[in-house]
């Protein structure tokens, strides 16, 4: 890593000034204009409070004092010539800096420990050296493989039949930051649950999951994905324990993102039918008792949550009737009609003539996802051949899209 001591920029100079002042005054901030000016500069750059900034200055200077050696409370107290208990007073700030991605520890211990070692994030250091606030935002955002940020979602144009177009538009409005906050405040005033639960159901490939992504994109929200495969357990009580962790993690993410001034995320149960089911009355076997426990836990957790839950499913009919009351919005996605298919074809393959658009939309009973599959294959072929796919080639891709006899795909007269 670059020599941070040899770097002279406003941020590094401010870090050194704050550090020296704190060390000189045994962690009691010296009241001088120079200290206060530089502390304020760091607060604005890092978007941290004064105590968090103070602790980060102590950690980063000591971390680089001897070749990036991890620091702990004991090392800091020795270098600063103060009692370890004085450093321990910053315990909440240690946790906060770790949660916000400025520092990290190899230990998973949560208790107050003198032996817990901390390192400074290399990406954070790089942002400091370049004085780049955008780099810092990327470096400190919460990293979780199940978390997708809105800026990482590609914006797409989706087409809906008139029957649900208005409902989808309303969802965009409800989930806008200012609107949602006002709505939730009003619901709390009226002693109603403030959580927003949405079920998108219908045939595969009709745009349910992509709708969730576009909702997140346009409202600036991250998506926290529930890994269904890892959540469902074969062991008695295992699935419920895993679900507890999911809801606890989601609640933590809501608090963390909100504290950063970001929108609360969407909790997404994609292909929810693998988890959501019907309770069996009366249960007669251990497996049935376990299944009822799972459904009861889900029903209770969904009712109590205060964020945004969206579930997508192809098999809503398999859900317990009690879920209908928990989901405030229930929107059914159908196979696209002729007009929608024409719009999708034209959007995906802009050079198609009107008669070709009409032919593809009329002759092939495809969902939006299946049309995209055809276009993807055509695009791959274009890369290999260096030329645009022909109408005949696109027809060939259409003929092989479904895993069934070709004559079952064609629906239009004369196709």
Protein backbone atom coordinates (compact mmCIF):
# COMPACT_ATOMS: atom_id res chain seq x y z
CA UNK A 1 0.00 0.00 0.00
CA UNK A 2 1.13 3.58 -0.61
CA UNK A 3 3.18 5.36 2.06
CA UNK A 4 0.40 7.14 3.89
CA UNK A 5 2.85 9.19 5.96
CA UNK A 6 4.53 10.50 2.85
CA UNK A 7 1.20 11.69 1.47
CA UNK A 8 0.28 15.32 1.83
CA UNK A 9 -3.32 16.19 1.17
CA UNK A 10 -5.99 17.95 3.18
CA UNK A 11 -7.58 14.79 4.53
CA UNK A 12 -4.32 13.19 5.69
CA UNK A 13 -3.14 16.46 7.20
CA UNK A 14 -6.44 16.75 9.09
CA UNK A 15 -6.09 13.17 10.36
CA UNK A 16 -2.61 13.92 11.72
CA UNK A 17 -3.75 17.17 13.36
CA UNK A 18 -6.68 15.48 15.10
CA UNK A 19 -4.49 12.54 16.17
CA UNK A 20 -1.75 14.77 17.61
CA UNK A 21 -4.26 16.89 19.48
CA UNK A 22 -5.95 13.84 21.03
CA UNK A 23 -2.62 12.26 22.00
CA UNK A 24 -1.33 15.48 23.52
CA UNK A 25 -4.47 15.90 25.61
CA UNK A 26 -4.86 12.22 26.57
CA UNK A 27 -7.96 11.77 24.37
CA UNK A 28 -9.56 14.92 25.70
CA UNK A 29 -10.05 17.18 22.70
CA UNK A 30 -8.03 20.34 23.02
CA UNK A 31 -10.21 23.37 22.43
CA UNK A 32 -8.53 25.19 19.59
CA UNK A 33 -9.76 26.41 16.23
CA UNK A 34 -7.25 24.31 14.26
CA UNK A 35 -8.48 21.08 15.87
CA UNK A 36 -12.16 21.93 15.46
CA UNK A 37 -11.73 22.99 11.83
CA UNK A 38 -9.96 19.78 10.88
CA UNK A 39 -12.35 17.59 12.89
CA UNK A 40 -15.27 19.16 11.04
CA UNK A 41 -13.55 18.60 7.67
CA UNK A 42 -13.13 14.91 8.48
CA UNK A 43 -16.72 14.60 9.71
CA UNK A 44 -17.96 15.95 6.39
CA UNK A 45 -15.64 13.78 4.29
CA UNK A 46 -16.21 10.53 6.19
CA UNK A 47 -19.85 11.23 7.13
CA UNK A 48 -19.08 10.16 10.71
CA UNK A 49 -19.80 11.77 14.08
CA UNK A 50 -17.01 13.40 16.10
CA UNK A 51 -16.28 10.37 18.30
CA UNK A 52 -16.13 8.04 15.28
CA UNK A 53 -13.75 10.42 13.51
CA UNK A 54 -11.55 10.71 16.62
CA UNK A 55 -11.26 6.93 16.98
CA UNK A 56 -10.62 6.41 13.27
CA UNK A 57 -7.78 8.95 13.36
CA UNK A 58 -6.19 7.08 16.27
CA UNK A 59 -6.52 3.71 14.54
CA UNK A 60 -5.29 4.70 11.08
CA UNK A 61 -2.21 6.54 12.37
CA UNK A 62 -1.21 3.67 14.66
CA UNK A 63 -2.00 1.11 11.95
CA UNK A 64 0.50 2.68 9.57
CA UNK A 65 3.05 3.64 12.19
CA UNK A 66 4.69 0.23 11.96
CA UNK A 67 4.04 -1.22 8.53
CA UNK A 68 0.29 -1.89 8.68
CA UNK A 69 0.36 -3.87 11.91
CA UNK A 70 -3.19 -4.52 13.20
CA UNK A 71 -4.04 -2.56 16.32
CA UNK A 72 -6.10 -3.39 19.38
CA UNK A 73 -7.17 -1.53 22.49
CA UNK A 74 -3.99 -2.51 24.31
CA UNK A 75 -1.69 -1.17 21.55
CA UNK A 76 -3.65 2.09 21.32
CA UNK A 77 -3.50 2.64 25.08
CA UNK A 78 0.28 2.03 25.13
CA UNK A 79 0.98 4.38 22.23
CA UNK A 80 -1.31 7.07 23.61
CA UNK A 81 -0.04 6.54 27.17
CA UNK A 82 -3.53 6.18 28.59
CA UNK A 83 -5.50 3.58 30.53
CA UNK A 84 -7.05 0.81 28.34
CA UNK A 85 -10.39 1.53 30.01
CA UNK A 86 -10.26 5.01 28.46
CA UNK A 87 -9.98 3.44 25.00
CA UNK A 88 -12.70 0.96 25.91
CA UNK A 89 -15.09 3.90 26.31
CA UNK A 90 -15.03 4.04 22.51
CA UNK A 91 -16.40 0.50 22.23
CA UNK A 92 -19.59 1.62 20.45
CA UNK A 93 -17.47 3.58 17.97
CA UNK A 94 -15.30 0.49 17.29
CA UNK A 95 -18.48 -1.41 16.40
CA UNK A 96 -19.85 1.45 14.34
CA UNK A 97 -16.64 1.88 12.31
CA UNK A 98 -16.59 -1.87 11.69
CA UNK A 99 -20.23 -1.93 10.59
CA UNK A 100 -19.64 1.03 8.28
CA UNK A 101 -16.65 -0.63 6.62
CA UNK A 102 -13.85 1.69 7.77
CA UNK A 103 -12.10 -1.00 9.82
CA UNK A 104 -12.37 -4.75 10.04
CA UNK A 105 -11.35 -7.53 12.38
CA UNK A 106 -10.39 -11.15 11.81
CA UNK A 107 -12.21 -12.01 15.03
CA UNK A 108 -15.95 -12.55 15.25
CA UNK A 109 -16.02 -11.76 18.95
CA UNK A 110 -18.65 -9.19 19.85
CA UNK A 111 -17.73 -8.82 23.51
CA UNK A 112 -15.47 -6.05 24.75
CA UNK A 113 -12.03 -7.53 24.26
CA UNK A 114 -8.54 -6.09 24.66
CA UNK A 115 -7.23 -8.70 22.25
CA UNK A 116 -9.46 -7.94 19.26
CA UNK A 117 -7.25 -6.65 16.43
CA UNK A 118 -8.38 -4.18 13.79
CA UNK A 119 -7.15 -3.34 10.32
CA UNK A 120 -8.01 -0.36 8.12
CA UNK A 121 -9.79 -1.11 4.86
CA UNK A 122 -7.41 -0.75 1.91
CA UNK A 123 -10.21 0.74 -0.19
CA UNK A 124 -10.83 3.39 2.46
CA UNK A 125 -7.12 4.28 2.50
CA UNK A 126 -7.15 4.55 -1.30
CA UNK A 127 -10.12 6.94 -1.12
CA UNK A 128 -8.30 9.05 1.49
CA UNK A 129 -5.13 9.23 -0.60
CA UNK A 130 -7.15 10.36 -3.62
CA UNK A 131 -9.50 12.53 -1.55
CA UNK A 132 -12.33 10.94 -3.48
CA UNK A 133 -15.71 10.90 -1.76
CA UNK A 134 -17.24 8.62 -4.42
CA UNK A 135 -14.50 6.04 -3.86
CA UNK A 136 -15.11 6.29 -0.13
CA UNK A 137 -18.83 5.63 -0.58
CA UNK A 138 -18.05 2.48 -2.56
CA UNK A 139 -15.38 1.38 -0.07
CA UNK A 140 -17.63 1.71 2.98
CA UNK A 141 -20.88 0.37 1.65
CA UNK A 142 -22.09 -2.79 3.33
CA UNK A 143 -20.68 -5.85 1.64
CA UNK A 144 -22.92 -8.90 1.56
CA UNK A 145 -23.19 -11.38 -1.28
CA UNK A 146 -26.98 -11.38 -0.85
CA UNK A 147 -27.22 -7.58 -1.10
CA UNK A 148 -27.66 -5.89 -4.49
CA UNK A 149 -27.41 -2.09 -4.60
CA UNK A 150 -29.65 -0.05 -6.86
CA UNK A 151 -26.68 1.40 -8.76
CA UNK A 152 -25.64 -2.13 -9.71
CA UNK A 153 -29.02 -2.85 -11.30
CA UNK A 154 -29.37 -2.23 -15.02
CA UNK A 155 -32.35 -0.09 -15.87
CA UNK A 156 -34.80 -1.81 -18.21
CA UNK A 157 -38.07 -0.94 -19.87
CA UNK A 158 -40.87 -3.27 -18.84
CA UNK A 159 -44.30 -3.55 -20.42
CA UNK A 160 -47.45 -4.43 -18.52
CA UNK A 161 -51.05 -5.06 -19.58
CA UNK A 162 -53.47 -2.30 -18.60
CA UNK A 163 -54.96 -4.55 -15.92
CA UNK A 164 -51.85 -4.26 -13.73
CA UNK A 165 -50.02 -1.24 -15.17
CA UNK A 166 -51.74 1.11 -12.75
CA UNK A 167 -51.00 -1.14 -9.77
CA UNK A 168 -47.30 -1.30 -10.65
CA UNK A 169 -47.15 2.48 -11.05
CA UNK A 170 -48.68 2.87 -7.61
CA UNK A 171 -45.99 0.62 -6.12
CA UNK A 172 -43.31 2.93 -7.52
CA UNK A 173 -45.06 5.87 -5.87
CA UNK A 174 -45.55 4.11 -2.53
CA UNK A 175 -41.88 3.09 -2.33
CA UNK A 176 -40.45 6.54 -3.09
CA UNK A 177 -38.53 7.67 0.00
CA UNK A 178 -40.62 10.68 1.03
CA UNK A 179 -43.89 8.95 0.20
CA UNK A 180 -43.05 5.78 2.14
CA UNK A 181 -41.92 7.70 5.22
CA UNK A 182 -45.14 9.75 5.20
CA UNK A 183 -47.25 6.63 4.64
CA UNK A 184 -45.57 4.71 7.46
CA UNK A 185 -45.92 7.66 9.85
CA UNK A 186 -49.64 7.85 9.11
CA UNK A 187 -50.06 4.10 9.58
CA UNK A 188 -48.32 4.28 12.97
CA UNK A 189 -50.61 7.16 13.99
CA UNK A 190 -53.59 4.94 13.21
CA UNK A 191 -52.08 1.98 15.10
CA UNK A 192 -51.69 -0.04 11.91
CA UNK A 193 -48.71 -2.19 10.85
CA UNK A 194 -46.16 0.00 9.04
CA UNK A 195 -44.49 -2.77 7.01
CA UNK A 196 -45.22 -3.02 3.30
CA UNK A 197 -45.65 -6.58 1.97
CA UNK A 198 -46.12 -7.29 -1.72
CA UNK A 199 -46.81 -10.55 -3.54
CA UNK A 200 -46.16 -10.82 -7.27
CA UNK A 201 -47.55 -14.08 -8.61
CA UNK A 202 -48.19 -15.73 -11.96
CA UNK A 203 -46.61 -17.75 -14.72
CA UNK A 204 -42.81 -18.07 -15.04
CA UNK A 205 -40.98 -15.51 -17.17
CA UNK A 206 -43.69 -12.85 -16.99
CA UNK A 207 -41.54 -10.17 -15.33
CA UNK A 208 -42.16 -10.65 -11.61
CA UNK A 209 -38.51 -10.70 -10.51
CA UNK A 210 -37.46 -8.01 -12.98
CA UNK A 211 -40.25 -5.80 -11.65
CA UNK A 212 -38.69 -6.06 -8.18
CA UNK A 213 -35.30 -5.05 -9.61
CA UNK A 214 -36.78 -2.06 -11.40
CA UNK A 215 -38.71 -1.00 -8.29
CA UNK A 216 -35.40 -1.06 -6.40
CA UNK A 217 -33.59 0.79 -9.19
CA UNK A 218 -36.09 3.61 -9.51
CA UNK A 219 -36.60 4.11 -5.78
CA UNK A 220 -32.89 3.89 -4.90
CA UNK A 221 -33.25 0.82 -2.70
CA UNK A 222 -30.96 -2.17 -2.26
CA UNK A 223 -32.35 -5.70 -2.46
CA UNK A 224 -31.55 -8.24 0.24
CA UNK A 225 -32.05 -11.65 -1.34
CA UNK A 226 -33.18 -14.61 0.74
CA UNK A 227 -31.06 -17.59 -0.31
CA UNK A 228 -33.85 -20.17 -0.36
CA UNK A 229 -31.45 -23.09 -0.90
CA UNK A 230 -29.49 -22.28 2.24
CA UNK A 231 -32.56 -21.35 4.27
CA UNK A 232 -34.49 -24.60 3.85
CA UNK A 233 -33.07 -27.29 6.14
CA UNK A 234 -33.78 -31.00 6.41
CA UNK A 235 -33.33 -30.88 10.18
CA UNK A 236 -36.15 -30.31 12.63
CA UNK A 237 -36.23 -26.61 13.51
CA UNK A 238 -33.35 -25.82 11.15
CA UNK A 239 -35.42 -23.80 8.66
CA UNK A 240 -36.98 -21.66 11.40
CA UNK A 241 -33.55 -20.92 12.88
CA UNK A 242 -32.28 -19.91 9.44
CA UNK A 243 -35.32 -17.70 8.89
CA UNK A 244 -34.71 -16.01 12.24
CA UNK A 245 -31.23 -15.11 11.04
CA UNK A 246 -32.65 -13.76 7.77
CA UNK A 247 -35.12 -11.42 9.51
CA UNK A 248 -32.52 -10.36 12.10
CA UNK A 249 -30.01 -9.59 9.34
CA UNK A 250 -32.63 -7.64 7.41
CA UNK A 251 -33.53 -5.60 10.48
CA UNK A 252 -29.83 -4.87 11.02
CA UNK A 253 -29.41 -3.82 7.39
CA UNK A 254 -32.38 -1.46 7.67
CA UNK A 255 -30.79 0.25 10.69
CA UNK A 256 -27.33 0.41 9.09
CA UNK A 257 -28.50 1.82 5.77
CA UNK A 258 -30.86 4.27 7.45
CA UNK A 259 -28.02 5.53 9.67
CA UNK A 260 -26.07 6.29 6.50
CA UNK A 261 -28.94 8.30 5.05
CA UNK A 262 -29.80 5.53 2.56
CA UNK A 263 -33.17 3.95 1.83
CA UNK A 264 -34.26 0.85 3.70
CA UNK A 265 -33.77 -2.21 1.47
CA UNK A 266 -36.27 -4.63 -0.02
CA UNK A 267 -36.33 -8.13 1.46
CA UNK A 268 -36.89 -10.41 -1.53
CA UNK A 269 -38.24 -13.95 -1.32
CA UNK A 270 -37.80 -15.01 -4.95
CA UNK A 271 -39.55 -18.28 -5.89
CA UNK A 272 -41.15 -18.10 -2.46
CA UNK A 273 -43.21 -21.26 -3.03
CA UNK A 274 -40.14 -23.24 -1.88
CA UNK A 275 -40.71 -21.79 1.60
CA UNK A 276 -44.28 -20.54 1.83
CA UNK A 277 -46.93 -23.24 2.06
CA UNK A 278 -50.06 -24.35 3.86
CA UNK A 279 -50.42 -25.41 7.45
CA UNK A 280 -51.67 -28.94 7.95
CA UNK A 281 -54.56 -29.40 10.37
CA UNK A 282 -54.26 -31.51 12.36
CA UNK A 283 -50.59 -32.45 11.99
CA UNK A 284 -49.97 -36.14 12.55
CA UNK A 285 -46.27 -36.55 11.75
CA UNK A 286 -43.08 -34.85 12.83
CA UNK A 287 -42.55 -33.43 9.34
CA UNK A 288 -46.04 -31.90 9.36
CA UNK A 289 -45.47 -30.34 12.79
CA UNK A 290 -42.18 -28.90 11.52
CA UNK A 291 -43.88 -27.51 8.39
CA UNK A 292 -46.59 -25.87 10.48
CA UNK A 293 -43.90 -24.33 12.67
CA UNK A 294 -42.23 -22.84 9.58
CA UNK A 295 -45.49 -21.37 8.24
CA UNK A 296 -46.49 -19.96 11.64
CA UNK A 297 -43.07 -18.36 12.05
CA UNK A 298 -43.26 -16.79 8.58
CA UNK A 299 -46.76 -15.46 9.17
CA UNK A 300 -45.75 -13.94 12.50
CA UNK A 301 -42.48 -12.44 11.18
CA UNK A 302 -44.10 -10.91 8.11
CA UNK A 303 -46.81 -9.32 10.22
CA UNK A 304 -44.30 -7.79 12.64
CA UNK A 305 -41.68 -6.55 10.17
CA UNK A 306 -41.47 -2.79 9.54
CA UNK A 307 -39.66 -2.73 6.19
CA UNK A 308 -40.50 -3.87 2.67
CA UNK A 309 -41.03 -7.53 1.83
CA UNK A 310 -41.66 -8.73 -1.70
CA UNK A 311 -42.37 -12.36 -2.54
CA UNK A 312 -42.53 -13.74 -6.08
CA UNK A 313 -44.10 -17.07 -6.86
CA UNK A 314 -45.50 -19.19 -9.67
CA UNK A 315 -47.70 -21.14 -7.25
CA UNK A 316 -49.65 -18.70 -5.09
CA UNK A 317 -52.44 -21.27 -4.85
CA UNK A 318 -50.19 -23.39 -2.64
CA UNK A 319 -49.93 -20.65 0.00
CA UNK A 320 -51.82 -20.73 3.29
CA UNK A 321 -54.85 -18.44 3.14
CA UNK A 322 -53.46 -16.52 6.11
CA UNK A 323 -50.71 -15.14 3.84
CA UNK A 324 -53.33 -13.24 1.83
CA UNK A 325 -53.98 -10.94 4.78
CA UNK A 326 -50.25 -10.41 5.42
CA UNK A 327 -49.55 -9.26 1.87
CA UNK A 328 -51.04 -5.83 1.38
CA UNK A 329 -50.59 -5.87 -2.40
CA UNK A 330 -51.16 -8.97 -4.53
CA UNK A 331 -50.54 -8.54 -8.25
CA UNK A 332 -51.08 -11.30 -10.79
CA UNK A 333 -48.75 -11.49 -13.81
CA UNK A 334 -50.18 -13.11 -16.94
CA UNK A 335 -48.57 -14.28 -20.16
CA UNK A 336 -48.09 -11.13 -22.30
CA UNK A 337 -50.84 -10.42 -24.81
CA UNK A 338 -50.18 -9.69 -28.49
CA UNK A 339 -49.68 -5.94 -28.04
CA UNK A 340 -47.25 -6.40 -25.16
CA UNK A 341 -45.27 -9.02 -27.08
CA UNK A 342 -44.95 -6.65 -30.02
CA UNK A 343 -43.59 -3.94 -27.74
CA UNK A 344 -41.09 -6.36 -26.20
CA UNK A 345 -39.87 -7.60 -29.59
CA UNK A 346 -39.47 -4.05 -30.88
CA UNK A 347 -37.65 -2.96 -27.72
CA UNK A 348 -35.27 -5.94 -27.79
CA UNK A 349 -34.64 -5.95 -31.56
CA UNK A 350 -35.06 -2.33 -32.64
CA UNK A 351 -34.23 -2.99 -36.31
CA UNK A 352 -37.12 -5.42 -36.87
CA UNK A 353 -39.64 -4.24 -39.46
CA UNK A 354 -43.28 -3.90 -38.46
CA UNK A 355 -44.31 -7.05 -40.34
CA UNK A 356 -41.55 -9.10 -38.65
CA UNK A 357 -42.56 -7.79 -35.23
CA UNK A 358 -46.14 -8.78 -35.99
CA UNK A 359 -45.07 -12.24 -37.16
CA UNK A 360 -42.89 -13.05 -34.15
CA UNK A 361 -45.48 -11.76 -31.69
CA UNK A 362 -48.32 -13.66 -33.37
CA UNK A 363 -46.60 -16.95 -34.09
CA UNK A 364 -44.75 -17.62 -30.85
CA UNK A 365 -46.49 -17.80 -27.50
CA UNK A 366 -43.50 -16.54 -25.56
CA UNK A 367 -43.16 -14.83 -22.21
CA UNK A 368 -40.95 -11.77 -21.92
CA UNK A 369 -38.13 -13.94 -20.52
CA UNK A 370 -38.36 -16.34 -23.47
CA UNK A 371 -38.20 -13.47 -25.96
CA UNK A 372 -35.10 -12.22 -24.16
CA UNK A 373 -33.55 -15.71 -24.43
CA UNK A 374 -34.03 -15.64 -28.19
CA UNK A 375 -32.47 -12.18 -28.42
CA UNK A 376 -29.53 -13.26 -26.25
CA UNK A 377 -28.77 -16.15 -28.60
CA UNK A 378 -29.00 -13.80 -31.58
CA UNK A 379 -26.62 -11.40 -29.85
CA UNK A 380 -24.12 -14.17 -29.12
CA UNK A 381 -24.23 -15.20 -32.77
CA UNK A 382 -23.60 -11.59 -33.85
CA UNK A 383 -20.42 -11.49 -31.74
CA UNK A 384 -19.14 -14.71 -33.35
CA UNK A 385 -20.04 -13.89 -36.95
CA UNK A 386 -19.52 -10.14 -36.87
CA UNK A 387 -22.88 -9.53 -38.53
CA UNK A 388 -26.47 -9.07 -37.51
CA UNK A 389 -28.60 -12.19 -37.17
CA UNK A 390 -31.02 -12.74 -40.03
CA UNK A 391 -34.77 -13.13 -39.68
CA UNK A 392 -34.37 -16.83 -40.49
CA UNK A 393 -31.77 -17.27 -37.74
CA UNK A 394 -34.03 -15.57 -35.20
CA UNK A 395 -36.87 -17.87 -36.30
CA UNK A 396 -34.59 -20.86 -35.74
CA UNK A 397 -33.87 -19.66 -32.22
CA UNK A 398 -37.62 -19.29 -31.63
CA UNK A 399 -38.26 -22.84 -32.83
CA UNK A 400 -35.84 -24.29 -30.28
CA UNK A 401 -36.71 -22.08 -27.32
CA UNK A 402 -39.28 -24.33 -25.66
CA UNK A 403 -38.57 -27.90 -24.60
CA UNK A 404 -41.55 -29.33 -26.44
CA UNK A 405 -42.75 -30.17 -29.94
CA UNK A 406 -42.46 -27.25 -32.30
CA UNK A 407 -46.08 -27.40 -33.41
CA UNK A 408 -47.20 -26.59 -29.86
CA UNK A 409 -45.38 -23.24 -29.91
CA UNK A 410 -46.99 -21.77 -32.99
CA UNK A 411 -50.26 -20.05 -32.23
CA UNK A 412 -51.05 -17.71 -35.14
CA UNK A 413 -52.95 -18.57 -38.30
CA UNK A 414 -50.50 -19.37 -41.09
CA UNK A 415 -47.46 -19.45 -38.82
